[in-house]
Amino acid sequence: MPNIGDRLASTRVAAAAAALVCAAACTPAGAEPDPDDGRLTVLTTFTVLADMVRNVAGDRVDVESVTRPGAEIHSYEPTPEDLLRGRGADLVLHNGLGLEAWFTRFTDPVDAPTAVLADGVETVPVVSGGHAGEPNPHAWMSPDNALVYVDNIAAALTALDPAGARTYAAGAADYKQRIRAIGEDLRDRLAGVDPPQRALVTCEGAFPYLARDAGLAERYLWPVNSDTEATPGRVASVVRFVRSNGVATVFCETTVDSGIQQQVADETGAELGPDLYVDSLSPPDGPVPTYLDLLRYDAEAVAAGLTREEDA
């Protein structure tokens, strides 16, 4: 028997689908459709992916994100307006690995092919909580993994639009070069950090891939944002780890409350660093309006935090 959550989800989808039908049926007679510049429309599930696609596609396709800057991606609820946009999409791209728990509720009412951008990455499992044993979905946080995403984007765009194959191949090659440069800079900046302090301590366990790239240990208060409940045992474990390893700086993410991590900093003498970006870009006038800015911002924040000198 469906549980209450399933019934509520079904109700929301039904309402959204009804709104979609109404929007189509209630268009005034004789009204002209919006102007169409002839470009294909590609829809992504969140802003990071949308920016990656734009860098590969250039101006050849119109790229939009379902979610807005600052949105929490794991538990997002598609709106009727989202479904209307999906109805006009030629392709829908998503992360996969269980990140977008709402994805099939979004795609079922619309008619567009889909592709998974995390296909082919070497995954790291979630090690605790309700998602233990599942692949950690935040694979784009690794500059190394991002190269796989770019190849998957180019392949999906080429399958949709074979005439643009050369454009997509050239965009992918240039973009991958810029991503590699950020990964190399991060490794160079962290090379001098002593092994005990080579640790990335965050609120959400969203950084195992970045930690793997940079040779860092990873600790966190909760595994994924759908389990945003830091148990007393988990908090105590993080406190012990920070103290015993002399970790200089701990971090949280922009889409969650950093209050518990501030307690960890207060108890250990560590500094609470700037919030890191993971699931969402900032608005255009913010610090990370692009994916490359996100990687660069997080890499610089982590490197500066772990290499900070003690006050004289």
Protein backbone atom coordinates (compact mmCIF):
# COMPACT_ATOMS: atom_id res chain seq x y z
CA MET A 1 0.00 0.00 0.00
CA PRO A 2 1.44 3.47 -0.89
CA ASN A 3 2.60 5.43 2.12
CA ILE A 4 1.46 8.96 2.95
CA GLY A 5 4.51 10.51 1.27
CA ASP A 6 3.80 8.60 -1.94
CA ARG A 7 0.15 9.69 -1.90
CA LEU A 8 1.11 13.31 -1.35
CA ALA A 9 3.67 13.14 -4.16
CA SER A 10 1.04 11.65 -6.47
CA THR A 11 -1.38 14.41 -5.55
CA ARG A 12 1.18 17.09 -6.28
CA VAL A 13 2.02 15.54 -9.63
CA ALA A 14 -1.66 15.26 -10.54
CA ALA A 15 -2.20 18.91 -9.67
CA ALA A 16 0.85 19.95 -11.64
CA ALA A 17 -0.22 17.91 -14.64
CA ALA A 18 -3.70 19.41 -14.47
CA ALA A 19 -2.19 22.89 -14.42
CA LEU A 20 -0.12 21.99 -17.45
CA VAL A 21 -3.21 20.83 -19.35
CA CYS A 22 -5.12 23.92 -18.30
CA ALA A 23 -2.30 26.18 -19.46
CA ALA A 24 -2.45 24.61 -22.89
CA ALA A 25 -6.24 24.44 -23.12
CA CYS A 26 -6.87 27.93 -21.76
CA THR A 27 -4.65 29.76 -24.25
CA PRO A 28 -6.85 32.39 -25.92
CA ALA A 29 -8.05 31.43 -29.39
CA GLY A 30 -5.87 32.81 -32.13
CA ALA A 31 -3.03 33.68 -29.76
CA GLU A 32 0.36 33.39 -31.34
CA PRO A 33 3.05 31.27 -29.65
CA ASP A 34 6.13 32.93 -28.23
CA PRO A 35 8.76 33.80 -30.84
CA ASP A 36 11.10 30.88 -31.54
CA ASP A 37 14.64 31.50 -32.71
CA GLY A 38 14.88 27.93 -33.99
CA ARG A 39 17.37 26.74 -31.39
CA LEU A 40 16.87 23.47 -29.54
CA THR A 41 15.99 23.74 -25.84
CA VAL A 42 17.98 21.74 -23.28
CA LEU A 43 16.72 21.62 -19.70
CA THR A 44 18.94 20.62 -16.76
CA THR A 45 17.89 19.82 -13.22
CA PHE A 46 20.10 22.40 -11.50
CA THR A 47 22.16 25.48 -12.21
CA VAL A 48 25.60 23.84 -12.10
CA LEU A 49 24.70 21.47 -14.92
CA ALA A 50 23.10 24.26 -16.94
CA ASP A 51 26.31 26.27 -16.88
CA MET A 52 28.39 23.25 -17.86
CA VAL A 53 26.09 22.62 -20.83
CA ARG A 54 26.31 26.26 -21.95
CA ASN A 55 30.09 26.06 -22.00
CA VAL A 56 29.99 23.03 -24.29
CA ALA A 57 27.10 24.16 -26.49
CA GLY A 58 27.94 27.83 -26.88
CA ASP A 59 25.06 29.69 -28.51
CA ARG A 60 23.87 26.71 -30.52
CA VAL A 61 21.17 25.63 -28.03
CA ASP A 62 19.02 27.36 -25.44
CA VAL A 63 19.86 26.01 -21.98
CA GLU A 64 17.68 26.40 -18.89
CA SER A 65 17.75 25.03 -15.33
CA VAL A 66 14.65 23.62 -13.62
CA THR A 67 15.82 24.91 -10.23
CA ARG A 68 16.92 28.43 -9.42
CA PRO A 69 20.16 29.64 -7.75
CA GLY A 70 20.21 28.72 -4.08
CA ALA A 71 17.75 25.85 -4.37
CA GLU A 72 18.19 22.65 -2.33
CA ILE A 73 18.33 19.97 -5.01
CA HIS A 74 17.77 16.69 -3.15
CA SER A 75 14.17 17.30 -2.07
CA TYR A 76 13.03 19.83 -4.65
CA GLU A 77 9.33 19.72 -5.61
CA PRO A 78 8.64 20.43 -9.33
CA THR A 79 6.05 23.15 -9.91
CA PRO A 80 3.42 23.42 -12.65
CA GLU A 81 5.61 26.05 -14.26
CA ASP A 82 8.51 23.58 -14.30
CA LEU A 83 6.31 21.06 -16.10
CA LEU A 84 5.34 23.65 -18.69
CA ARG A 85 9.00 24.31 -19.40
CA GLY A 86 9.71 20.59 -19.54
CA ARG A 87 6.93 20.21 -22.08
CA GLY A 88 8.87 22.46 -24.47
CA ALA A 89 12.29 20.86 -23.93
CA ASP A 90 14.07 18.85 -26.62
CA LEU A 91 16.36 17.18 -24.05
CA VAL A 92 16.49 16.92 -20.25
CA LEU A 93 19.86 16.34 -18.57
CA HIS A 94 20.23 15.28 -14.95
CA ASN A 95 23.00 14.24 -12.60
CA GLY A 96 21.75 10.78 -11.67
CA LEU A 97 23.21 8.73 -8.79
CA GLY A 98 20.00 9.35 -6.84
CA LEU A 99 20.59 13.08 -6.43
CA GLU A 100 17.28 14.25 -7.90
CA ALA A 101 14.80 12.10 -5.97
CA TRP A 102 12.03 14.04 -7.72
CA PHE A 103 13.26 13.46 -11.28
CA THR A 104 10.74 10.88 -12.49
CA ARG A 105 7.89 12.95 -11.04
CA PHE A 106 9.14 15.73 -13.31
CA THR A 107 9.76 13.71 -16.46
CA ASP A 108 6.68 11.43 -16.38
CA PRO A 109 4.25 14.20 -17.44
CA VAL A 110 6.59 15.62 -20.15
CA ASP A 111 7.75 14.16 -23.43
CA ALA A 112 11.50 14.65 -23.85
CA PRO A 113 14.52 12.34 -23.99
CA THR A 114 16.82 12.33 -20.96
CA ALA A 115 20.49 11.63 -20.28
CA VAL A 116 22.50 11.04 -17.09
CA LEU A 117 25.65 13.15 -16.85
CA ALA A 118 27.35 11.18 -14.06
CA ASP A 119 27.50 8.00 -16.16
CA GLY A 120 31.03 6.59 -16.15
CA VAL A 121 32.42 8.27 -13.04
CA GLU A 122 34.15 6.11 -10.44
CA THR A 123 31.73 6.52 -7.56
CA VAL A 124 32.37 6.72 -3.82
CA PRO A 125 29.73 5.14 -1.54
CA VAL A 126 27.87 6.95 1.23
CA VAL A 127 29.12 5.29 4.41
CA SER A 128 26.39 6.13 6.94
CA GLY A 129 22.81 7.26 7.37
CA GLY A 130 19.75 6.32 5.38
CA HIS A 131 21.68 6.26 2.10
CA ALA A 132 24.57 4.09 3.28
CA GLY A 133 25.99 1.96 0.49
CA GLU A 134 24.53 4.11 -2.28
CA PRO A 135 26.88 6.12 -4.52
CA ASN A 136 27.52 9.63 -3.27
CA PRO A 137 25.80 11.79 -5.90
CA HIS A 138 28.03 14.89 -5.72
CA ALA A 139 30.45 13.69 -8.39
CA TRP A 140 30.64 17.07 -10.18
CA MET A 141 32.56 18.46 -7.19
CA SER A 142 35.67 16.70 -8.51
CA PRO A 143 37.57 18.46 -11.31
CA ASP A 144 38.61 15.00 -12.50
CA ASN A 145 35.01 13.76 -12.62
CA ALA A 146 33.90 16.98 -14.30
CA LEU A 147 35.82 15.87 -17.38
CA VAL A 148 33.49 12.84 -17.60
CA TYR A 149 30.47 15.13 -17.27
CA VAL A 150 31.74 17.28 -20.14
CA ASP A 151 32.20 14.26 -22.39
CA ASN A 152 28.68 13.08 -21.54
CA ILE A 153 27.27 16.53 -22.30
CA ALA A 154 29.00 16.63 -25.68
CA ALA A 155 27.74 13.13 -26.51
CA ALA A 156 24.14 13.96 -25.52
CA LEU A 157 24.14 17.20 -27.51
CA THR A 158 25.64 15.49 -30.54
CA ALA A 159 23.01 12.74 -30.41
CA LEU A 160 20.32 15.44 -30.29
CA ASP A 161 21.91 17.67 -32.92
CA PRO A 162 24.44 15.81 -35.10
CA ALA A 163 25.01 18.87 -37.26
CA GLY A 164 26.56 20.61 -34.24
CA ALA A 165 29.08 17.86 -33.48
CA ARG A 166 32.15 19.98 -34.29
CA THR A 167 30.88 22.87 -32.17
CA TYR A 168 30.27 20.59 -29.20
CA ALA A 169 33.64 18.82 -29.54
CA ALA A 170 35.50 22.14 -29.65
CA GLY A 171 33.55 23.54 -26.70
CA ALA A 172 34.19 20.41 -24.65
CA ALA A 173 37.93 20.43 -25.37
CA ASP A 174 38.34 24.07 -24.33
CA TYR A 175 36.18 23.63 -21.22
CA LYS A 176 38.07 20.54 -20.06
CA GLN A 177 41.35 22.42 -20.30
CA ARG A 178 40.05 25.13 -17.98
CA ILE A 179 38.69 22.57 -15.50
CA ARG A 180 42.02 20.72 -15.40
CA ALA A 181 43.83 23.96 -14.55
CA ILE A 182 41.67 24.45 -11.44
CA GLY A 183 42.29 20.88 -10.26
CA GLU A 184 46.05 21.25 -10.72
CA ASP A 185 46.05 24.54 -8.81
CA LEU A 186 44.16 22.97 -5.90
CA ARG A 187 46.65 20.09 -5.63
CA ASP A 188 49.59 22.51 -5.84
CA ARG A 189 48.22 24.76 -3.12
CA LEU A 190 47.60 21.85 -0.73
CA ALA A 191 50.93 20.15 -1.34
CA GLY A 192 52.53 21.76 1.71
CA VAL A 193 49.83 20.86 4.23
CA ASP A 194 51.04 18.34 6.81
CA PRO A 195 49.23 14.96 6.63
CA PRO A 196 47.30 15.23 9.93
CA GLN A 197 45.76 18.54 8.82
CA ARG A 198 44.95 17.31 5.30
CA ALA A 199 41.25 17.01 6.09
CA LEU A 200 38.06 18.54 4.73
CA VAL A 201 35.43 18.80 7.48
CA THR A 202 31.99 19.93 6.28
CA CYS A 203 28.31 19.90 7.22
CA GLU A 204 27.14 17.67 4.36
CA GLY A 205 29.25 14.78 3.08
CA ALA A 206 29.28 16.35 -0.37
CA PHE A 207 33.03 16.38 -0.93
CA PRO A 208 34.40 12.83 -1.15
CA TYR A 209 35.31 13.29 -4.81
CA LEU A 210 37.04 16.61 -4.26
CA ALA A 211 38.82 15.12 -1.24
CA ARG A 212 39.92 12.15 -3.36
CA ASP A 213 41.32 14.44 -6.06
CA ALA A 214 43.25 16.52 -3.53
CA GLY A 215 44.41 13.75 -1.20
CA LEU A 216 42.32 14.91 1.76
CA ALA A 217 40.55 12.95 4.47
CA GLU A 218 36.83 13.75 4.70
CA ARG A 219 34.59 14.18 7.74
CA TYR A 220 31.05 15.58 7.92
CA LEU A 221 28.07 16.11 10.22
CA TRP A 222 25.53 14.32 7.99
CA PRO A 223 25.94 12.21 4.84
CA VAL A 224 23.58 14.00 2.43
CA ASN A 225 21.18 16.94 2.76
CA SER A 226 18.15 14.65 2.79
CA ASP A 227 19.54 13.45 6.17
CA THR A 228 20.19 16.90 7.66
CA GLU A 229 20.10 15.61 11.22
CA ALA A 230 23.46 15.75 12.96
CA THR A 231 23.27 13.12 15.71
CA PRO A 232 25.10 13.76 18.99
CA GLY A 233 27.39 10.83 18.22
CA ARG A 234 28.30 12.22 14.81
CA VAL A 235 28.99 15.68 16.24
CA ALA A 236 31.19 14.20 18.98
CA SER A 237 33.10 12.15 16.40
CA VAL A 238 33.77 15.23 14.27
CA VAL A 239 34.90 17.20 17.32
CA ARG A 240 37.36 14.45 18.28
CA PHE A 241 38.71 14.26 14.73
CA VAL A 242 39.25 18.02 14.45
CA ARG A 243 41.00 18.17 17.83
CA SER A 244 43.24 15.13 17.34
CA ASN A 245 44.35 16.18 13.86
CA GLY A 246 44.70 19.89 14.52
CA VAL A 247 42.39 20.77 11.62
CA ALA A 248 42.62 24.52 11.18
CA THR A 249 39.30 25.24 9.49
CA VAL A 250 35.90 23.55 9.17
CA PHE A 251 33.25 24.40 6.58
CA CYS A 252 29.55 24.31 5.84
CA GLU A 253 27.55 24.79 2.61
CA THR A 254 25.41 27.62 1.34
CA THR A 255 22.17 25.62 1.22
CA VAL A 256 22.13 24.54 4.90
CA ASP A 257 22.35 26.10 8.37
CA SER A 258 25.92 26.26 9.69
CA GLY A 259 24.92 26.53 13.37
CA ILE A 260 26.08 23.05 14.40
CA GLN A 261 29.37 23.43 12.56
CA GLN A 262 29.90 26.70 14.42
CA GLN A 263 29.57 24.70 17.65
CA VAL A 264 32.28 22.32 16.39
CA ALA A 265 34.53 25.30 15.70
CA ASP A 266 33.85 26.78 19.13
CA GLU A 267 34.63 23.50 20.92
CA THR A 268 37.83 22.77 19.02
CA GLY A 269 39.33 26.20 18.36
CA ALA A 270 39.08 25.67 14.63
CA GLU A 271 37.92 28.48 12.40
CA LEU A 272 34.57 28.27 10.59
CA GLY A 273 35.48 29.00 7.00
CA PRO A 274 33.32 30.62 4.35
CA ASP A 275 30.30 28.63 3.19
CA LEU A 276 31.16 26.37 0.27
CA TYR A 277 29.03 26.06 -2.85
CA VAL A 278 27.91 22.59 -3.94
CA ASP A 279 24.38 22.11 -5.31
CA SER A 280 23.81 25.57 -6.71
CA LEU A 281 25.51 28.51 -8.32
CA SER A 282 24.98 31.99 -6.96
CA PRO A 283 22.94 34.66 -8.78
CA PRO A 284 24.90 36.42 -11.56
CA ASP A 285 26.12 39.16 -9.20
CA GLY A 286 27.26 36.64 -6.55
CA PRO A 287 30.66 35.00 -6.01
CA VAL A 288 30.04 31.85 -8.12
CA PRO A 289 27.88 32.65 -11.15
CA THR A 290 29.54 29.82 -13.11
CA TYR A 291 30.69 26.26 -12.42
CA LEU A 292 34.34 27.23 -12.94
CA ASP A 293 33.85 30.00 -10.38
CA LEU A 294 32.34 27.44 -7.99
CA LEU A 295 35.31 25.10 -8.33
CA ARG A 296 37.77 27.95 -8.01
CA TYR A 297 35.99 29.52 -5.03
CA ASP A 298 35.75 26.24 -3.10
CA ALA A 299 39.32 25.24 -3.96
CA GLU A 300 40.69 28.59 -2.80
CA ALA A 301 38.57 28.56 0.38
CA VAL A 302 39.70 25.03 1.31
CA ALA A 303 43.34 25.69 0.47
CA ALA A 304 43.39 28.98 2.40
CA GLY A 305 41.62 27.40 5.38
CA LEU A 306 43.91 24.39 5.67
CA THR A 307 47.12 26.38 5.14
CA ARG A 308 46.28 29.35 7.37
CA GLU A 309 49.05 30.36 9.69
CA GLU A 310 48.49 30.56 13.41
CA ASP A 311 48.07 34.07 14.78
CA ALA A 312 51.38 35.51 15.91
